[in-house]
């Protein structure tokens, strides 16, 4: 399996959404609130992959890019980090709630759209990844989202 890297991040974001002007980009992981499938080991993972069409109900690698109008999220395939499983654009005007937090070891983005909750977590240090500026990228994503949505950040 290919490691996540900066080149793949920009290539997959551009492939999914066209060449957009990104204010900040980062590697993230989808973080389901409660993952029932994980309780059943390998069988649960296989069933979870079949049931989860969007990638937000099980844990997946993702890339996100912040534009002036919203957040673009590309969720990567579970077995191939160079393949897109799902892509979604979250416009700030359509989001009911946006909370972006910047902690010491990770940053997180919590969004609510149409009654559904979406959570992305951006670790600031990732072992084995080829992301030179992930720590700065995660903080920049949170700063841009807070600036564009006027959300409050809790340190």
Foldseek 3Di string as FASTA:
>chain_A
DDFAADVLLQVVLCVVPNDADFQFKAKWKWDAPDAPLVVVPPVSVVVCLVVDQARNNDIFIWMWTAHLFFIKIFTADPVDNNHTRHIDTDGLVQWPDWAWEDDDFKIKIWTHGPNDIIIIIQGLDDPPHHYPGNNVRRVSVSVVVCVSNVHDYDD
